[in-house]
Amino acid sequence: MNTPTTARPIGPVNVLFLCAHNRVRSLLAEALLNHLGHGRFRAYSAGMQPDPAQQAHPMTIEALQHAGVSTDGLHSKCWTQFSAPDAPHMDLVVTVCDHTAGESTPDWPGHPASAHWHYPDPSETQGDADAQHEAFRQALHLLGHRLTLLINLPTDKLATAFQP
């Protein structure tokens, strides 16, 4: 007799977003996934050369707040803290800038799956303030589209997607 199998319940999927400075794209992704993930996902972000003052780009904060996404506790962090023995176990590590994708990264505990999602850096946009604000809104929109695809993966697929 065949009995239906059900996917084992899983805790939140931990995702680390990496970028060179952890001031724009990786912070946008962290905040947005935590907002959209409804507890199924827990996002973190870090950079190779984080801002020495641990500050996000001001337009990063503005774009998130304008979209209704919490920025509480959002700050620039170094990626080495996520390779420490007491760091949260990551299921997925996503680079969001080409510079970081080509770099040698720490040996992440648990050997998480990895991906590269290329996004232009909105902080490099030339032009007036309106053009720069639009670049940040577009970056948030594009990340939101990809993150929506990720969070809408069926639970049974997520239960096995990040298994060794």
N, C-alpha and C. Protein backbone atom coordinates (compact mmCIF):
# COMPACT_ATOMS: atom_id res chain seq x y z
N MET A 1 0.83 -1.16 0.00
CA MET A 1 0.00 0.00 0.00
C MET A 1 0.88 1.24 0.00
N ASN A 2 0.63 2.14 -0.92
CA ASN A 2 1.41 3.37 -1.00
C ASN A 2 0.77 4.44 -0.14
N THR A 3 1.57 5.02 0.71
CA THR A 3 1.08 6.13 1.52
C THR A 3 1.72 7.41 1.01
N PRO A 4 0.97 8.47 0.97
CA PRO A 4 1.55 9.72 0.50
C PRO A 4 2.64 10.20 1.44
N THR A 5 3.67 10.77 0.86
CA THR A 5 4.74 11.31 1.68
C THR A 5 4.56 12.82 1.74
N THR A 6 4.95 13.35 2.84
CA THR A 6 4.89 14.79 2.99
C THR A 6 6.30 15.30 3.24
N ALA A 7 6.55 16.50 2.80
CA ALA A 7 7.86 17.10 3.02
C ALA A 7 8.03 17.35 4.51
N ARG A 8 9.22 17.14 4.97
CA ARG A 8 9.48 17.42 6.37
C ARG A 8 9.42 18.92 6.59
N PRO A 9 8.92 19.35 7.73
CA PRO A 9 8.88 20.78 7.98
C PRO A 9 10.29 21.31 8.13
N ILE A 10 10.50 22.50 7.64
CA ILE A 10 11.82 23.10 7.77
C ILE A 10 11.67 24.43 8.49
N GLY A 11 12.77 24.83 9.10
CA GLY A 11 12.80 26.15 9.72
C GLY A 11 13.03 27.18 8.63
N PRO A 12 13.26 28.39 9.02
CA PRO A 12 13.51 29.41 8.01
C PRO A 12 14.74 29.06 7.16
N VAL A 13 14.67 29.41 5.90
CA VAL A 13 15.81 29.25 5.00
C VAL A 13 16.68 30.49 5.22
N ASN A 14 17.93 30.27 5.63
CA ASN A 14 18.85 31.38 5.87
C ASN A 14 19.59 31.72 4.59
N VAL A 15 19.52 33.00 4.20
CA VAL A 15 20.13 33.47 2.97
C VAL A 15 21.06 34.63 3.29
N LEU A 16 22.29 34.54 2.78
CA LEU A 16 23.27 35.61 2.95
C LEU A 16 23.50 36.27 1.61
N PHE A 17 23.30 37.59 1.55
CA PHE A 17 23.54 38.36 0.33
C PHE A 17 24.88 39.08 0.49
N LEU A 18 25.73 38.91 -0.52
CA LEU A 18 27.07 39.51 -0.47
C LEU A 18 27.24 40.55 -1.56
N CYS A 19 27.94 41.61 -1.22
CA CYS A 19 28.29 42.66 -2.17
C CYS A 19 29.62 43.25 -1.70
N ALA A 20 30.20 44.08 -2.51
CA ALA A 20 31.52 44.63 -2.18
C ALA A 20 31.50 45.42 -0.87
N HIS A 21 30.56 46.35 -0.72
CA HIS A 21 30.60 47.25 0.42
C HIS A 21 29.43 47.11 1.38
N ASN A 22 28.43 46.33 1.03
CA ASN A 22 27.26 46.11 1.88
C ASN A 22 26.63 47.44 2.29
N ARG A 23 26.40 48.29 1.28
CA ARG A 23 25.76 49.58 1.52
C ARG A 23 24.48 49.74 0.71
N VAL A 24 24.33 48.93 -0.38
CA VAL A 24 23.20 49.15 -1.28
C VAL A 24 22.49 47.83 -1.58
N ARG A 25 22.94 47.11 -2.63
CA ARG A 25 22.19 45.95 -3.14
C ARG A 25 22.01 44.85 -2.12
N SER A 26 23.05 44.48 -1.41
CA SER A 26 22.93 43.40 -0.44
C SER A 26 22.01 43.80 0.72
N LEU A 27 22.08 45.06 1.13
CA LEU A 27 21.19 45.54 2.19
C LEU A 27 19.74 45.61 1.71
N LEU A 28 19.54 46.06 0.45
CA LEU A 28 18.19 46.05 -0.11
C LEU A 28 17.62 44.63 -0.09
N ALA A 29 18.44 43.65 -0.52
CA ALA A 29 17.98 42.26 -0.57
C ALA A 29 17.69 41.72 0.83
N GLU A 30 18.56 42.01 1.79
CA GLU A 30 18.35 41.54 3.15
C GLU A 30 17.02 42.05 3.71
N ALA A 31 16.83 43.36 3.63
CA ALA A 31 15.62 43.95 4.20
C ALA A 31 14.37 43.47 3.48
N LEU A 32 14.44 43.40 2.16
CA LEU A 32 13.27 43.02 1.38
C LEU A 32 12.90 41.56 1.59
N LEU A 33 13.88 40.65 1.63
CA LEU A 33 13.55 39.24 1.86
C LEU A 33 12.98 39.04 3.26
N ASN A 34 13.53 39.73 4.25
CA ASN A 34 12.97 39.62 5.59
C ASN A 34 11.54 40.15 5.63
N HIS A 35 11.25 41.14 4.82
CA HIS A 35 9.90 41.71 4.75
C HIS A 35 8.93 40.77 4.02
N LEU A 36 9.38 40.23 2.91
CA LEU A 36 8.50 39.40 2.07
C LEU A 36 8.42 37.94 2.52
N GLY A 37 9.45 37.48 3.22
CA GLY A 37 9.59 36.05 3.51
C GLY A 37 8.65 35.49 4.54
N HIS A 38 7.97 36.34 5.29
CA HIS A 38 6.95 35.90 6.27
C HIS A 38 7.42 34.76 7.16
N GLY A 39 8.66 34.84 7.62
CA GLY A 39 9.18 33.83 8.54
C GLY A 39 9.71 32.57 7.88
N ARG A 40 9.43 32.36 6.60
CA ARG A 40 9.97 31.19 5.89
C ARG A 40 11.44 31.39 5.55
N PHE A 41 11.87 32.65 5.52
CA PHE A 41 13.24 33.01 5.16
C PHE A 41 13.80 33.95 6.21
N ARG A 42 15.09 33.87 6.41
CA ARG A 42 15.80 34.82 7.28
C ARG A 42 17.00 35.29 6.46
N ALA A 43 17.02 36.58 6.16
CA ALA A 43 18.07 37.14 5.32
C ALA A 43 19.10 37.89 6.14
N TYR A 44 20.32 37.83 5.65
CA TYR A 44 21.46 38.54 6.20
C TYR A 44 22.21 39.15 5.02
N SER A 45 23.10 40.09 5.30
CA SER A 45 23.93 40.63 4.24
C SER A 45 25.29 41.01 4.80
N ALA A 46 26.26 41.09 3.89
CA ALA A 46 27.61 41.44 4.29
C ALA A 46 28.40 41.89 3.07
N GLY A 47 29.57 42.47 3.33
CA GLY A 47 30.43 42.93 2.25
C GLY A 47 31.88 42.57 2.49
N MET A 48 32.64 42.57 1.40
CA MET A 48 34.08 42.32 1.48
C MET A 48 34.78 43.48 2.18
N GLN A 49 34.37 44.68 1.84
CA GLN A 49 34.95 45.90 2.41
C GLN A 49 33.79 46.77 2.91
N PRO A 50 33.20 46.38 4.03
CA PRO A 50 32.02 47.11 4.51
C PRO A 50 32.37 48.55 4.89
N ASP A 51 31.34 49.36 4.93
CA ASP A 51 31.50 50.74 5.32
C ASP A 51 32.12 50.80 6.72
N PRO A 52 33.22 51.55 6.89
CA PRO A 52 33.86 51.60 8.22
C PRO A 52 32.93 52.09 9.33
N ALA A 53 31.98 52.95 8.99
CA ALA A 53 31.03 53.44 9.98
C ALA A 53 29.78 52.56 10.05
N GLN A 54 29.77 51.47 9.33
CA GLN A 54 28.66 50.51 9.28
C GLN A 54 27.37 51.15 8.78
N GLN A 55 27.48 52.14 7.91
CA GLN A 55 26.33 52.87 7.42
C GLN A 55 25.86 52.36 6.07
N ALA A 56 24.56 52.30 5.91
CA ALA A 56 23.95 52.03 4.61
C ALA A 56 23.98 53.33 3.81
N HIS A 57 23.96 53.21 2.50
CA HIS A 57 23.83 54.40 1.66
C HIS A 57 22.49 55.05 2.01
N PRO A 58 22.44 56.37 2.17
CA PRO A 58 21.18 57.03 2.55
C PRO A 58 20.01 56.71 1.61
N MET A 59 20.28 56.56 0.32
CA MET A 59 19.18 56.26 -0.61
C MET A 59 18.71 54.81 -0.49
N THR A 60 19.53 53.95 0.08
CA THR A 60 19.09 52.58 0.38
C THR A 60 17.99 52.63 1.43
N ILE A 61 18.26 53.36 2.48
CA ILE A 61 17.28 53.49 3.57
C ILE A 61 16.02 54.17 3.05
N GLU A 62 16.19 55.22 2.27
CA GLU A 62 15.04 55.96 1.74
C GLU A 62 14.17 55.08 0.84
N ALA A 63 14.79 54.30 -0.05
CA ALA A 63 14.03 53.44 -0.96
C ALA A 63 13.24 52.40 -0.18
N LEU A 64 13.86 51.81 0.82
CA LEU A 64 13.18 50.79 1.63
C LEU A 64 12.02 51.39 2.41
N GLN A 65 12.26 52.53 3.04
CA GLN A 65 11.20 53.16 3.82
C GLN A 65 10.05 53.59 2.92
N HIS A 66 10.36 54.10 1.73
CA HIS A 66 9.32 54.49 0.79
C HIS A 66 8.46 53.30 0.39
N ALA A 67 9.08 52.11 0.34
CA ALA A 67 8.36 50.89 -0.02
C ALA A 67 7.67 50.24 1.19
N GLY A 68 7.82 50.83 2.35
CA GLY A 68 7.18 50.27 3.55
C GLY A 68 7.93 49.11 4.17
N VAL A 69 9.23 49.02 3.90
CA VAL A 69 10.06 47.93 4.41
C VAL A 69 10.87 48.46 5.60
N SER A 70 10.86 47.71 6.68
CA SER A 70 11.58 48.11 7.89
C SER A 70 13.09 48.18 7.63
N THR A 71 13.71 49.20 8.21
CA THR A 71 15.17 49.34 8.13
C THR A 71 15.80 49.23 9.52
N ASP A 72 15.02 48.82 10.50
CA ASP A 72 15.52 48.69 11.86
C ASP A 72 16.71 47.73 11.89
N GLY A 73 17.81 48.20 12.45
CA GLY A 73 18.99 47.36 12.61
C GLY A 73 19.80 47.14 11.35
N LEU A 74 19.39 47.71 10.24
CA LEU A 74 20.08 47.51 8.97
C LEU A 74 21.39 48.29 8.98
N HIS A 75 22.50 47.59 8.80
CA HIS A 75 23.80 48.25 8.77
C HIS A 75 24.81 47.40 7.99
N SER A 76 25.88 48.03 7.60
CA SER A 76 26.94 47.38 6.83
C SER A 76 27.75 46.46 7.74
N LYS A 77 28.01 45.24 7.25
CA LYS A 77 28.72 44.22 8.03
C LYS A 77 29.80 43.56 7.17
N CYS A 78 30.82 43.00 7.81
CA CYS A 78 31.87 42.27 7.10
C CYS A 78 31.48 40.80 6.97
N TRP A 79 31.77 40.24 5.82
CA TRP A 79 31.37 38.85 5.57
C TRP A 79 32.07 37.84 6.46
N THR A 80 33.22 38.19 7.05
CA THR A 80 33.93 37.22 7.89
C THR A 80 33.12 36.82 9.11
N GLN A 81 32.23 37.69 9.58
CA GLN A 81 31.44 37.32 10.75
C GLN A 81 30.49 36.15 10.46
N PHE A 82 30.20 35.90 9.20
CA PHE A 82 29.30 34.80 8.85
C PHE A 82 30.04 33.49 8.59
N SER A 83 31.37 33.53 8.69
CA SER A 83 32.13 32.29 8.57
C SER A 83 32.64 31.83 9.94
N ALA A 84 32.31 32.57 10.98
CA ALA A 84 32.71 32.22 12.34
C ALA A 84 31.93 31.00 12.83
N PRO A 85 32.50 30.25 13.76
CA PRO A 85 31.82 29.05 14.25
C PRO A 85 30.43 29.31 14.85
N ASP A 86 30.22 30.47 15.43
CA ASP A 86 28.92 30.75 16.06
C ASP A 86 27.96 31.48 15.12
N ALA A 87 28.33 31.61 13.85
CA ALA A 87 27.47 32.29 12.88
C ALA A 87 26.26 31.44 12.54
N PRO A 88 25.17 32.09 12.13
CA PRO A 88 24.01 31.31 11.69
C PRO A 88 24.38 30.43 10.50
N HIS A 89 23.82 29.24 10.45
CA HIS A 89 24.06 28.32 9.32
C HIS A 89 23.31 28.87 8.11
N MET A 90 24.04 29.08 7.01
CA MET A 90 23.41 29.58 5.79
C MET A 90 23.02 28.41 4.89
N ASP A 91 21.86 28.55 4.27
CA ASP A 91 21.39 27.57 3.29
C ASP A 91 21.74 28.02 1.88
N LEU A 92 21.81 29.33 1.68
CA LEU A 92 22.06 29.90 0.37
C LEU A 92 22.88 31.17 0.53
N VAL A 93 23.92 31.32 -0.30
CA VAL A 93 24.73 32.53 -0.34
C VAL A 93 24.61 33.10 -1.75
N VAL A 94 24.16 34.36 -1.84
CA VAL A 94 23.92 35.00 -3.14
C VAL A 94 24.79 36.24 -3.25
N THR A 95 25.64 36.28 -4.27
CA THR A 95 26.38 37.51 -4.57
C THR A 95 25.50 38.36 -5.47
N VAL A 96 25.48 39.67 -5.21
CA VAL A 96 24.63 40.56 -5.99
C VAL A 96 25.43 41.64 -6.73
N CYS A 97 26.74 41.48 -6.75
CA CYS A 97 27.56 42.37 -7.58
C CYS A 97 28.67 41.54 -8.21
N ASP A 98 29.05 41.91 -9.41
CA ASP A 98 30.03 41.13 -10.16
C ASP A 98 31.38 41.09 -9.47
N HIS A 99 31.76 42.17 -8.82
CA HIS A 99 33.06 42.21 -8.14
C HIS A 99 33.16 41.13 -7.07
N THR A 100 32.13 40.97 -6.30
CA THR A 100 32.13 39.97 -5.22
C THR A 100 32.04 38.55 -5.78
N ALA A 101 31.33 38.39 -6.89
CA ALA A 101 31.17 37.05 -7.47
C ALA A 101 32.51 36.45 -7.87
N GLY A 102 33.47 37.28 -8.24
CA GLY A 102 34.77 36.78 -8.67
C GLY A 102 35.76 36.60 -7.55
N GLU A 103 35.39 36.96 -6.35
CA GLU A 103 36.31 36.88 -5.22
C GLU A 103 36.26 35.53 -4.52
N SER A 104 37.37 35.20 -3.91
CA SER A 104 37.43 34.01 -3.08
C SER A 104 36.72 34.33 -1.77
N THR A 105 35.78 33.48 -1.39
CA THR A 105 35.01 33.72 -0.18
C THR A 105 35.43 32.75 0.92
N PRO A 106 35.05 33.06 2.15
CA PRO A 106 35.37 32.13 3.24
C PRO A 106 34.72 30.77 2.99
N ASP A 107 35.20 29.79 3.68
CA ASP A 107 34.60 28.46 3.64
C ASP A 107 33.40 28.50 4.58
N TRP A 108 32.22 28.71 3.98
CA TRP A 108 31.01 28.87 4.79
C TRP A 108 30.68 27.58 5.51
N PRO A 109 30.38 27.64 6.81
CA PRO A 109 29.97 26.43 7.53
C PRO A 109 28.75 25.78 6.85
N GLY A 110 28.79 24.48 6.71
CA GLY A 110 27.68 23.74 6.12
C GLY A 110 27.67 23.73 4.61
N HIS A 111 28.61 24.44 3.97
CA HIS A 111 28.72 24.48 2.51
C HIS A 111 27.38 24.76 1.84
N PRO A 112 26.86 25.97 2.04
CA PRO A 112 25.55 26.31 1.47
C PRO A 112 25.57 26.38 -0.06
N ALA A 113 24.39 26.28 -0.64
CA ALA A 113 24.26 26.49 -2.08
C ALA A 113 24.62 27.95 -2.37
N SER A 114 25.04 28.22 -3.60
CA SER A 114 25.40 29.59 -3.95
C SER A 114 24.81 29.98 -5.29
N ALA A 115 24.66 31.28 -5.47
CA ALA A 115 24.12 31.82 -6.72
C ALA A 115 24.70 33.21 -6.91
N HIS A 116 24.67 33.67 -8.16
CA HIS A 116 25.06 35.05 -8.46
C HIS A 116 23.91 35.72 -9.20
N TRP A 117 23.47 36.83 -8.66
CA TRP A 117 22.41 37.63 -9.28
C TRP A 117 23.02 38.99 -9.60
N HIS A 118 23.27 39.26 -10.86
CA HIS A 118 23.88 40.53 -11.25
C HIS A 118 22.85 41.65 -11.21
N TYR A 119 23.22 42.72 -10.51
CA TYR A 119 22.44 43.95 -10.49
C TYR A 119 23.40 45.12 -10.57
N PRO A 120 23.12 46.09 -11.45
CA PRO A 120 23.97 47.28 -11.48
C PRO A 120 23.87 48.03 -10.15
N ASP A 121 24.92 48.72 -9.80
CA ASP A 121 24.96 49.47 -8.55
C ASP A 121 24.25 50.81 -8.74
N PRO A 122 23.10 51.00 -8.10
CA PRO A 122 22.38 52.26 -8.28
C PRO A 122 23.14 53.46 -7.73
N SER A 123 24.07 53.24 -6.82
CA SER A 123 24.83 54.37 -6.26
C SER A 123 25.81 54.94 -7.27
N GLU A 124 26.03 54.24 -8.37
CA GLU A 124 26.93 54.74 -9.43
C GLU A 124 26.17 55.47 -10.53
N THR A 125 24.88 55.65 -10.35
CA THR A 125 24.07 56.33 -11.35
C THR A 125 24.48 57.80 -11.45
N GLN A 126 24.70 58.24 -12.67
CA GLN A 126 25.01 59.65 -12.92
C GLN A 126 23.72 60.42 -13.12
N GLY A 127 23.75 61.68 -12.85
CA GLY A 127 22.57 62.51 -13.08
C GLY A 127 22.11 63.19 -11.82
N ASP A 128 20.96 63.79 -11.93
CA ASP A 128 20.41 64.55 -10.80
C ASP A 128 19.82 63.61 -9.75
N ALA A 129 19.33 64.20 -8.69
CA ALA A 129 18.78 63.43 -7.58
C ALA A 129 17.62 62.55 -8.02
N ASP A 130 16.78 63.04 -8.94
CA ASP A 130 15.65 62.24 -9.41
C ASP A 130 16.14 60.97 -10.11
N ALA A 131 17.17 61.08 -10.93
CA ALA A 131 17.73 59.91 -11.62
C ALA A 131 18.31 58.93 -10.63
N GLN A 132 18.98 59.43 -9.61
CA GLN A 132 19.56 58.55 -8.60
C GLN A 132 18.48 57.85 -7.79
N HIS A 133 17.46 58.57 -7.39
CA HIS A 133 16.35 57.95 -6.65
C HIS A 133 15.66 56.87 -7.50
N GLU A 134 15.48 57.16 -8.77
CA GLU A 134 14.87 56.17 -9.66
C GLU A 134 15.72 54.92 -9.77
N ALA A 135 17.03 55.07 -9.81
CA ALA A 135 17.93 53.91 -9.88
C ALA A 135 17.76 53.02 -8.64
N PHE A 136 17.62 53.62 -7.49
CA PHE A 136 17.42 52.84 -6.26
C PHE A 136 16.05 52.17 -6.27
N ARG A 137 15.03 52.87 -6.73
CA ARG A 137 13.70 52.26 -6.82
C ARG A 137 13.71 51.07 -7.79
N GLN A 138 14.41 51.24 -8.91
CA GLN A 138 14.49 50.15 -9.89
C GLN A 138 15.24 48.95 -9.32
N ALA A 139 16.33 49.20 -8.61
CA ALA A 139 17.08 48.10 -7.99
C ALA A 139 16.20 47.34 -7.01
N LEU A 140 15.45 48.08 -6.21
CA LEU A 140 14.54 47.44 -5.25
C LEU A 140 13.46 46.65 -5.97
N HIS A 141 12.93 47.19 -7.04
CA HIS A 141 11.90 46.50 -7.83
C HIS A 141 12.46 45.20 -8.43
N LEU A 142 13.64 45.27 -9.03
CA LEU A 142 14.22 44.07 -9.66
C LEU A 142 14.54 43.00 -8.62
N LEU A 143 15.10 43.40 -7.50
CA LEU A 143 15.35 42.44 -6.42
C LEU A 143 14.05 41.86 -5.91
N GLY A 144 13.03 42.70 -5.78
CA GLY A 144 11.74 42.22 -5.31
C GLY A 144 11.15 41.16 -6.21
N HIS A 145 11.31 41.34 -7.52
CA HIS A 145 10.80 40.36 -8.47
C HIS A 145 11.50 39.01 -8.27
N ARG A 146 12.81 39.01 -8.19
CA ARG A 146 13.55 37.76 -8.02
C ARG A 146 13.27 37.14 -6.66
N LEU A 147 13.18 37.94 -5.62
CA LEU A 147 12.90 37.40 -4.29
C LEU A 147 11.49 36.82 -4.20
N THR A 148 10.55 37.42 -4.92
CA THR A 148 9.19 36.88 -4.96
C THR A 148 9.19 35.49 -5.58
N LEU A 149 9.98 35.30 -6.62
CA LEU A 149 10.10 33.96 -7.22
C LEU A 149 10.67 32.97 -6.21
N LEU A 150 11.69 33.39 -5.47
CA LEU A 150 12.30 32.51 -4.47
C LEU A 150 11.31 32.14 -3.37
N ILE A 151 10.62 33.12 -2.83
CA ILE A 151 9.73 32.82 -1.69
C ILE A 151 8.49 32.05 -2.11
N ASN A 152 8.18 32.05 -3.39
CA ASN A 152 7.02 31.31 -3.85
C ASN A 152 7.33 29.88 -4.28
N LEU A 153 8.58 29.45 -4.07
CA LEU A 153 8.88 28.04 -4.31
C LEU A 153 8.05 27.21 -3.33
N PRO A 154 7.50 26.10 -3.79
CA PRO A 154 6.70 25.27 -2.89
C PRO A 154 7.51 24.77 -1.69
N THR A 155 6.85 24.68 -0.57
CA THR A 155 7.49 24.24 0.66
C THR A 155 8.17 22.90 0.49
N ASP A 156 7.53 21.96 -0.24
CA ASP A 156 8.15 20.63 -0.40
C ASP A 156 9.45 20.72 -1.20
N LYS A 157 9.55 21.68 -2.11
CA LYS A 157 10.80 21.88 -2.86
C LYS A 157 11.86 22.49 -1.99
N LEU A 158 11.46 23.45 -1.15
CA LEU A 158 12.43 24.07 -0.24
C LEU A 158 12.97 23.07 0.78
N ALA A 159 12.14 22.10 1.17
CA ALA A 159 12.56 21.14 2.17
C ALA A 159 13.76 20.33 1.71
N THR A 160 13.92 20.18 0.40
CA THR A 160 15.03 19.37 -0.12
C THR A 160 16.03 20.19 -0.93
N ALA A 161 15.72 21.42 -1.25
CA ALA A 161 16.57 22.22 -2.14
C ALA A 161 17.95 22.47 -1.57
N PHE A 162 18.07 22.61 -0.28
CA PHE A 162 19.35 22.98 0.30
C PHE A 162 19.95 21.84 1.14
N GLN A 163 19.55 20.61 0.84
CA GLN A 163 20.12 19.46 1.52
C GLN A 163 21.44 19.10 0.86
N PRO A 164 22.40 18.58 1.62
CA PRO A 164 23.68 18.18 1.02
C PRO A 164 23.51 17.02 0.07
